[in-house]
Amino acid sequence: MKRATVTIPDDIAPALRAYLADQRPTPPLTAVVHDALAAFLAERGYLPGRPRRLRITPARRGSGTRSTSVDHDAVLAD
């Protein structure tokens, strides 16, 4: 296991203290940091065995032509 020293920024520290105070039983800070880091990496697809989330941003209405779904090869060739 890797060791690291983490400095909790002043703007995050109160939220972290409140979170820990609300948990029963209170988890160790290292467990909270491990879980947060695992969730962060999993969300971005860096943990093995966890699928990446597909994020599709729809185009604005009227951004294409009606025939694109039929003539997609011709549209992409342009």
PDB file of N, CA and C in Angstrom:
ATOM      1  N   MET A   1       0.844  -1.176   0.000  1.00  0.00           N
ATOM      2  CA  MET A   1       0.000   0.000   0.000  1.00  0.00           C
ATOM      3  C   MET A   1       0.886   1.235   0.000  1.00  0.00           C
ATOM      4  N   LYS A   2       0.503   2.218  -0.800  1.00  0.00           N
ATOM      5  CA  LYS A   2       1.227   3.480  -0.862  1.00  0.00           C
ATOM      6  C   LYS A   2       0.825   4.365   0.310  1.00  0.00           C
ATOM      7  N   ARG A   3       1.790   5.096   0.826  1.00  0.00           N
ATOM      8  CA  ARG A   3       1.500   6.082   1.868  1.00  0.00           C
ATOM      9  C   ARG A   3       1.538   7.463   1.246  1.00  0.00           C
ATOM     10  N   ALA A   4       0.657   8.328   1.723  1.00  0.00           N
ATOM     11  CA  ALA A   4       0.635   9.705   1.232  1.00  0.00           C
ATOM     12  C   ALA A   4       0.193  10.621   2.362  1.00  0.00           C
ATOM     13  N   THR A   5       0.717  11.809   2.350  1.00  0.00           N
ATOM     14  CA  THR A   5       0.273  12.832   3.291  1.00  0.00           C
ATOM     15  C   THR A   5      -0.688  13.728   2.534  1.00  0.00           C
ATOM     16  N   VAL A   6      -1.872  13.910   3.097  1.00  0.00           N
ATOM     17  CA  VAL A   6      -2.894  14.711   2.435  1.00  0.00           C
ATOM     18  C   VAL A   6      -3.210  15.923   3.296  1.00  0.00           C
ATOM     19  N   THR A   7      -3.221  17.074   2.687  1.00  0.00           N
ATOM     20  CA  THR A   7      -3.619  18.299   3.370  1.00  0.00           C
ATOM     21  C   THR A   7      -5.046  18.607   2.954  1.00  0.00           C
ATOM     22  N   ILE A   8      -5.932  18.720   3.932  1.00  0.00           N
ATOM     23  CA  ILE A   8      -7.339  19.027   3.661  1.00  0.00           C
ATOM     24  C   ILE A   8      -7.488  20.547   3.610  1.00  0.00           C
ATOM     25  N   PRO A   9      -7.916  21.089   2.471  1.00  0.00           N
ATOM     26  CA  PRO A   9      -8.074  22.547   2.359  1.00  0.00           C
ATOM     27  C   PRO A   9      -9.100  23.093   3.364  1.00  0.00           C
ATOM     28  N   ASP A  10      -8.886  24.318   3.775  1.00  0.00           N
ATOM     29  CA  ASP A  10      -9.754  24.951   4.769  1.00  0.00           C
ATOM     30  C   ASP A  10     -11.215  25.012   4.332  1.00  0.00           C
ATOM     31  N   ASP A  11     -11.470  25.124   3.021  1.00  0.00           N
ATOM     32  CA  ASP A  11     -12.855  25.219   2.567  1.00  0.00           C
ATOM     33  C   ASP A  11     -13.560  23.855   2.575  1.00  0.00           C
ATOM     34  N   ILE A  12     -12.797  22.762   2.609  1.00  0.00           N
ATOM     35  CA  ILE A  12     -13.390  21.426   2.617  1.00  0.00           C
ATOM     36  C   ILE A  12     -13.469  20.848   4.029  1.00  0.00           C
ATOM     37  N   ALA A  13     -12.579  21.277   4.910  1.00  0.00           N
ATOM     38  CA  ALA A  13     -12.484  20.714   6.258  1.00  0.00           C
ATOM     39  C   ALA A  13     -13.804  20.738   7.044  1.00  0.00           C
ATOM     40  N   PRO A  14     -14.571  21.831   7.043  1.00  0.00           N
ATOM     41  CA  PRO A  14     -15.832  21.815   7.793  1.00  0.00           C
ATOM     42  C   PRO A  14     -16.825  20.771   7.267  1.00  0.00           C
ATOM     43  N   ALA A  15     -16.893  20.629   5.948  1.00  0.00           N
ATOM     44  CA  ALA A  15     -17.803  19.629   5.369  1.00  0.00           C
ATOM     45  C   ALA A  15     -17.359  18.224   5.748  1.00  0.00           C
ATOM     46  N   LEU A  16     -16.064  17.989   5.754  1.00  0.00           N
ATOM     47  CA  LEU A  16     -15.535  16.682   6.141  1.00  0.00           C
ATOM     48  C   LEU A  16     -15.827  16.394   7.608  1.00  0.00           C
ATOM     49  N   ARG A  17     -15.624  17.383   8.474  1.00  0.00           N
ATOM     50  CA  ARG A  17     -15.936  17.199   9.906  1.00  0.00           C
ATOM     51  C   ARG A  17     -17.422  16.908  10.108  1.00  0.00           C
ATOM     52  N   ALA A  18     -18.277  17.626   9.382  1.00  0.00           N
ATOM     53  CA  ALA A  18     -19.724  17.409   9.502  1.00  0.00           C
ATOM     54  C   ALA A  18     -20.102  16.009   9.022  1.00  0.00           C
ATOM     55  N   TYR A  19     -19.502  15.580   7.916  1.00  0.00           N
ATOM     56  CA  TYR A  19     -19.774  14.231   7.402  1.00  0.00           C
ATOM     57  C   TYR A  19     -19.381  13.177   8.432  1.00  0.00           C
ATOM     58  N   LEU A  20     -18.176  13.299   8.967  1.00  0.00           N
ATOM     59  CA  LEU A  20     -17.709  12.320   9.956  1.00  0.00           C
ATOM     60  C   LEU A  20     -18.595  12.322  11.201  1.00  0.00           C
ATOM     61  N   ALA A  21     -19.040  13.496  11.624  1.00  0.00           N
ATOM     62  CA  ALA A  21     -19.891  13.589  12.818  1.00  0.00           C
ATOM     63  C   ALA A  21     -21.254  12.944  12.599  1.00  0.00           C
ATOM     64  N   ASP A  22     -21.742  12.941  11.353  1.00  0.00           N
ATOM     65  CA  ASP A  22     -23.056  12.362  11.047  1.00  0.00           C
ATOM     66  C   ASP A  22     -23.033  10.844  10.898  1.00  0.00           C
ATOM     67  N   GLN A  23     -21.857  10.249  10.772  1.00  0.00           N
ATOM     68  CA  GLN A  23     -21.761   8.803  10.555  1.00  0.00           C
ATOM     69  C   GLN A  23     -21.724   8.061  11.881  1.00  0.00           C
ATOM     70  N   ARG A  24     -22.449   6.959  11.928  1.00  0.00           N
ATOM     71  CA  ARG A  24     -22.443   6.090  13.112  1.00  0.00           C
ATOM     72  C   ARG A  24     -22.223   4.673  12.683  1.00  0.00           C
ATOM     73  N   PRO A  25     -21.209   4.010  13.119  1.00  0.00           N
ATOM     74  CA  PRO A  25     -20.084   4.543  13.883  1.00  0.00           C
ATOM     75  C   PRO A  25     -19.222   5.439  13.005  1.00  0.00           C
ATOM     76  N   THR A  26     -18.485   6.321  13.635  1.00  0.00           N
ATOM     77  CA  THR A  26     -17.644   7.255  12.898  1.00  0.00           C
ATOM     78  C   THR A  26     -16.498   6.496  12.222  1.00  0.00           C
ATOM     79  N   PRO A  27     -16.405   6.599  10.890  1.00  0.00           N
ATOM     80  CA  PRO A  27     -15.331   5.885  10.182  1.00  0.00           C
ATOM     81  C   PRO A  27     -13.996   6.606  10.359  1.00  0.00           C
ATOM     82  N   PRO A  28     -12.906   5.873  10.237  1.00  0.00           N
ATOM     83  CA  PRO A  28     -11.605   6.549  10.276  1.00  0.00           C
ATOM     84  C   PRO A  28     -11.452   7.444   9.044  1.00  0.00           C
ATOM     85  N   LEU A  29     -10.722   8.532   9.207  1.00  0.00           N
ATOM     86  CA  LEU A  29     -10.507   9.463   8.106  1.00  0.00           C
ATOM     87  C   LEU A  29      -9.879   8.752   6.918  1.00  0.00           C
ATOM     88  N   THR A  30      -8.961   7.823   7.157  1.00  0.00           N
ATOM     89  CA  THR A  30      -8.326   7.108   6.048  1.00  0.00           C
ATOM     90  C   THR A  30      -9.344   6.321   5.228  1.00  0.00           C
ATOM     91  N   ALA A  31     -10.349   5.739   5.871  1.00  0.00           N
ATOM     92  CA  ALA A  31     -11.378   4.993   5.140  1.00  0.00           C
ATOM     93  C   ALA A  31     -12.195   5.929   4.251  1.00  0.00           C
ATOM     94  N   VAL A  32     -12.501   7.117   4.745  1.00  0.00           N
ATOM     95  CA  VAL A  32     -13.258   8.095   3.958  1.00  0.00           C
ATOM     96  C   VAL A  32     -12.440   8.544   2.755  1.00  0.00           C
ATOM     97  N   VAL A  33     -11.158   8.794   2.953  1.00  0.00           N
ATOM     98  CA  VAL A  33     -10.290   9.222   1.849  1.00  0.00           C
ATOM     99  C   VAL A  33     -10.154   8.096   0.826  1.00  0.00           C
ATOM    100  N   HIS A  34      -9.985   6.852   1.291  1.00  0.00           N
ATOM    101  CA  HIS A  34      -9.891   5.710   0.370  1.00  0.00           C
ATOM    102  C   HIS A  34     -11.159   5.589  -0.468  1.00  0.00           C
ATOM    103  N   ASP A  35     -12.316   5.670   0.185  1.00  0.00           N
ATOM    104  CA  ASP A  35     -13.589   5.562  -0.541  1.00  0.00           C
ATOM    105  C   ASP A  35     -13.772   6.689  -1.544  1.00  0.00           C
ATOM    106  N   ALA A  36     -13.420   7.900  -1.135  1.00  0.00           N
ATOM    107  CA  ALA A  36     -13.562   9.057  -2.036  1.00  0.00           C
ATOM    108  C   ALA A  36     -12.641   8.918  -3.248  1.00  0.00           C
ATOM    109  N   LEU A  37     -11.416   8.473  -3.012  1.00  0.00           N
ATOM    110  CA  LEU A  37     -10.474   8.309  -4.119  1.00  0.00           C
ATOM    111  C   LEU A  37     -10.919   7.180  -5.053  1.00  0.00           C
ATOM    112  N   ALA A  38     -11.404   6.082  -4.482  1.00  0.00           N
ATOM    113  CA  ALA A  38     -11.895   4.972  -5.305  1.00  0.00           C
ATOM    114  C   ALA A  38     -13.082   5.412  -6.153  1.00  0.00           C
ATOM    115  N   ALA A  39     -14.010   6.166  -5.564  1.00  0.00           N
ATOM    116  CA  ALA A  39     -15.168   6.649  -6.318  1.00  0.00           C
ATOM    117  C   ALA A  39     -14.735   7.600  -7.430  1.00  0.00           C
ATOM    118  N   PHE A  40     -13.789   8.471  -7.140  1.00  0.00           N
ATOM    119  CA  PHE A  40     -13.268   9.418  -8.127  1.00  0.00           C
ATOM    120  C   PHE A  40     -12.649   8.679  -9.312  1.00  0.00           C
ATOM    121  N   LEU A  41     -11.804   7.690  -9.025  1.00  0.00           N
ATOM    122  CA  LEU A  41     -11.134   6.947 -10.091  1.00  0.00           C
ATOM    123  C   LEU A  41     -12.092   6.038 -10.854  1.00  0.00           C
ATOM    124  N   ALA A  42     -13.052   5.451 -10.160  1.00  0.00           N
ATOM    125  CA  ALA A  42     -14.027   4.584 -10.825  1.00  0.00           C
ATOM    126  C   ALA A  42     -14.909   5.387 -11.767  1.00  0.00           C
ATOM    127  N   GLU A  43     -15.298   6.571 -11.340  1.00  0.00           N
ATOM    128  CA  GLU A  43     -16.150   7.430 -12.170  1.00  0.00           C
ATOM    129  C   GLU A  43     -15.459   7.795 -13.483  1.00  0.00           C
ATOM    130  N   ARG A  44     -14.156   7.871 -13.443  1.00  0.00           N
ATOM    131  CA  ARG A  44     -13.392   8.239 -14.635  1.00  0.00           C
ATOM    132  C   ARG A  44     -12.864   7.028 -15.396  1.00  0.00           C
ATOM    133  N   GLY A  45     -13.206   5.809 -14.922  1.00  0.00           N
ATOM    134  CA  GLY A  45     -12.853   4.592 -15.631  1.00  0.00           C
ATOM    135  C   GLY A  45     -11.439   4.095 -15.408  1.00  0.00           C
ATOM    136  N   TYR A  46     -10.796   4.504 -14.320  1.00  0.00           N
ATOM    137  CA  TYR A  46      -9.422   4.100 -14.067  1.00  0.00           C
ATOM    138  C   TYR A  46      -9.279   2.885 -13.155  1.00  0.00           C
ATOM    139  N   LEU A  47     -10.352   2.409 -12.578  1.00  0.00           N
ATOM    140  CA  LEU A  47     -10.260   1.192 -11.771  1.00  0.00           C
ATOM    141  C   LEU A  47     -10.642   0.008 -12.637  1.00  0.00           C
ATOM    142  N   PRO A  48      -9.822  -1.041 -12.657  1.00  0.00           N
ATOM    143  CA  PRO A  48     -10.130  -2.199 -13.504  1.00  0.00           C
ATOM    144  C   PRO A  48     -11.428  -2.871 -13.076  1.00  0.00           C
ATOM    145  N   GLY A  49     -12.137  -3.376 -14.068  1.00  0.00           N
ATOM    146  CA  GLY A  49     -13.370  -4.098 -13.767  1.00  0.00           C
ATOM    147  C   GLY A  49     -14.583  -3.219 -13.569  1.00  0.00           C
ATOM    148  N   ARG A  50     -14.388  -1.927 -13.626  1.00  0.00           N
ATOM    149  CA  ARG A  50     -15.519  -1.011 -13.474  1.00  0.00           C
ATOM    150  C   ARG A  50     -15.731  -0.297 -14.798  1.00  0.00           C
ATOM    151  N   PRO A  51     -16.937  -0.394 -15.351  1.00  0.00           N
ATOM    152  CA  PRO A  51     -17.181   0.222 -16.663  1.00  0.00           C
ATOM    153  C   PRO A  51     -17.203   1.743 -16.577  1.00  0.00           C
ATOM    154  N   ARG A  52     -16.751   2.363 -17.649  1.00  0.00           N
ATOM    155  CA  ARG A  52     -16.853   3.817 -17.750  1.00  0.00           C
ATOM    156  C   ARG A  52     -18.286   4.195 -18.045  1.00  0.00           C
ATOM    157  N   ARG A  53     -18.697   5.293 -17.509  1.00  0.00           N
ATOM    158  CA  ARG A  53     -20.032   5.799 -17.780  1.00  0.00           C
ATOM    159  C   ARG A  53     -20.039   6.499 -19.124  1.00  0.00           C
ATOM    160  N   LEU A  54     -20.998   6.151 -19.972  1.00  0.00           N
ATOM    161  CA  LEU A  54     -21.120   6.804 -21.263  1.00  0.00           C
ATOM    162  C   LEU A  54     -21.861   8.118 -21.065  1.00  0.00           C
ATOM    163  N   ARG A  55     -21.229   9.186 -21.481  1.00  0.00           N
ATOM    164  CA  ARG A  55     -21.858  10.501 -21.349  1.00  0.00           C
ATOM    165  C   ARG A  55     -22.060  11.077 -22.736  1.00  0.00           C
ATOM    166  N   ILE A  56     -23.296  11.234 -23.111  1.00  0.00           N
ATOM    167  CA  ILE A  56     -23.636  11.775 -24.420  1.00  0.00           C
ATOM    168  C   ILE A  56     -24.276  13.135 -24.226  1.00  0.00           C
ATOM    169  N   THR A  57     -23.739  14.118 -24.904  1.00  0.00           N
ATOM    170  CA  THR A  57     -24.315  15.451 -24.861  1.00  0.00           C
ATOM    171  C   THR A  57     -25.082  15.666 -26.164  1.00  0.00           C
ATOM    172  N   PRO A  58     -26.396  15.796 -26.083  1.00  0.00           N
ATOM    173  CA  PRO A  58     -27.165  15.971 -27.312  1.00  0.00           C
ATOM    174  C   PRO A  58     -26.853  17.301 -27.989  1.00  0.00           C
ATOM    175  N   ALA A  59     -26.907  17.282 -29.306  1.00  0.00           N
ATOM    176  CA  ALA A  59     -26.716  18.511 -30.075  1.00  0.00           C
ATOM    177  C   ALA A  59     -27.960  19.371 -29.933  1.00  0.00           C
ATOM    178  N   ARG A  60     -27.787  20.649 -30.162  1.00  0.00           N
ATOM    179  CA  ARG A  60     -28.949  21.532 -30.063  1.00  0.00           C
ATOM    180  C   ARG A  60     -29.931  21.204 -31.176  1.00  0.00           C
ATOM    181  N   ARG A  61     -31.170  21.489 -30.920  1.00  0.00           N
ATOM    182  CA  ARG A  61     -32.233  21.184 -31.889  1.00  0.00           C
ATOM    183  C   ARG A  61     -31.981  21.939 -33.189  1.00  0.00           C
ATOM    184  N   GLY A  62     -32.103  21.217 -34.290  1.00  0.00           N
ATOM    185  CA  GLY A  62     -31.917  21.835 -35.592  1.00  0.00           C
ATOM    186  C   GLY A  62     -30.460  21.912 -36.033  1.00  0.00           C
ATOM    187  N   SER A  63     -29.577  21.170 -35.361  1.00  0.00           N
ATOM    188  CA  SER A  63     -28.157  21.272 -35.682  1.00  0.00           C
ATOM    189  C   SER A  63     -27.740  20.405 -36.868  1.00  0.00           C
ATOM    190  N   GLY A  64     -28.606  19.491 -37.309  1.00  0.00           N
ATOM    191  CA  GLY A  64     -28.256  18.595 -38.407  1.00  0.00           C
ATOM    192  C   GLY A  64     -29.358  18.557 -39.450  1.00  0.00           C
ATOM    193  N   THR A  65     -29.293  17.560 -40.305  1.00  0.00           N
ATOM    194  CA  THR A  65     -30.331  17.402 -41.313  1.00  0.00           C
ATOM    195  C   THR A  65     -31.153  16.168 -40.983  1.00  0.00           C
ATOM    196  N   ARG A  66     -32.354  16.106 -41.508  1.00  0.00           N
ATOM    197  CA  ARG A  66     -33.250  14.987 -41.209  1.00  0.00           C
ATOM    198  C   ARG A  66     -32.765  13.664 -41.782  1.00  0.00           C
ATOM    199  N   SER A  67     -31.972  13.711 -42.851  1.00  0.00           N
ATOM    200  CA  SER A  67     -31.563  12.479 -43.513  1.00  0.00           C
ATOM    201  C   SER A  67     -30.266  11.898 -42.962  1.00  0.00           C
ATOM    202  N   THR A  68     -29.692  12.515 -41.950  1.00  0.00           N
ATOM    203  CA  THR A  68     -28.406  12.056 -41.438  1.00  0.00           C
ATOM    204  C   THR A  68     -28.462  10.607 -40.966  1.00  0.00           C
ATOM    205  N   SER A  69     -29.538  10.206 -40.331  1.00  0.00           N
ATOM    206  CA  SER A  69     -29.621   8.831 -39.842  1.00  0.00           C
ATOM    207  C   SER A  69     -29.683   7.831 -40.979  1.00  0.00           C
ATOM    208  N   VAL A  70     -30.170   8.239 -42.137  1.00  0.00           N
ATOM    209  CA  VAL A  70     -30.258   7.358 -43.299  1.00  0.00           C
ATOM    210  C   VAL A  70     -28.989   7.453 -44.143  1.00  0.00           C
ATOM    211  N   ASP A  71     -28.528   8.685 -44.366  1.00  0.00           N
ATOM    212  CA  ASP A  71     -27.375   8.919 -45.242  1.00  0.00           C
ATOM    213  C   ASP A  71     -26.106   9.228 -44.444  1.00  0.00           C
ATOM    214  N   HIS A  72     -25.886   8.538 -43.325  1.00  0.00           N
ATOM    215  CA  HIS A  72     -24.763   8.878 -42.452  1.00  0.00           C
ATOM    216  C   HIS A  72     -23.405   8.728 -43.129  1.00  0.00           C
ATOM    217  N   ASP A  73     -23.247   7.737 -44.004  1.00  0.00           N
ATOM    218  CA  ASP A  73     -21.967   7.572 -44.701  1.00  0.00           C
ATOM    219  C   ASP A  73     -21.653   8.790 -45.572  1.00  0.00           C
ATOM    220  N   ALA A  74     -22.637   9.280 -46.279  1.00  0.00           N
ATOM    221  CA  ALA A  74     -22.431  10.452 -47.137  1.00  0.00           C
ATOM    222  C   ALA A  74     -22.141  11.689 -46.305  1.00  0.00           C
ATOM    223  N   VAL A  75     -22.846  11.834 -45.181  1.00  0.00           N
ATOM    224  CA  VAL A  75     -22.644  12.996 -44.314  1.00  0.00           C
ATOM    225  C   VAL A  75     -21.237  12.973 -43.721  1.00  0.00           C
ATOM    226  N   LEU A  76     -20.788  11.805 -43.261  1.00  0.00           N
ATOM    227  CA  LEU A  76     -19.460  11.702 -42.667  1.00  0.00           C
ATOM    228  C   LEU A  76     -18.348  11.839 -43.696  1.00  0.00           C
ATOM    229  N   ALA A  77     -18.617  11.510 -44.935  1.00  0.00           N
ATOM    230  CA  ALA A  77     -17.605  11.625 -45.981  1.00  0.00           C
ATOM    231  C   ALA A  77     -17.329  13.082 -46.349  1.00  0.00           C
ATOM    232  N   ASP A  78     -18.300  13.961 -46.074  1.00  0.00           N
ATOM    233  CA  ASP A  78     -18.126  15.388 -46.425  1.00  0.00           C
ATOM    234  C   ASP A  78     -17.133  16.085 -45.556  1.00  0.00           C
TER     235      ASP A  78
END
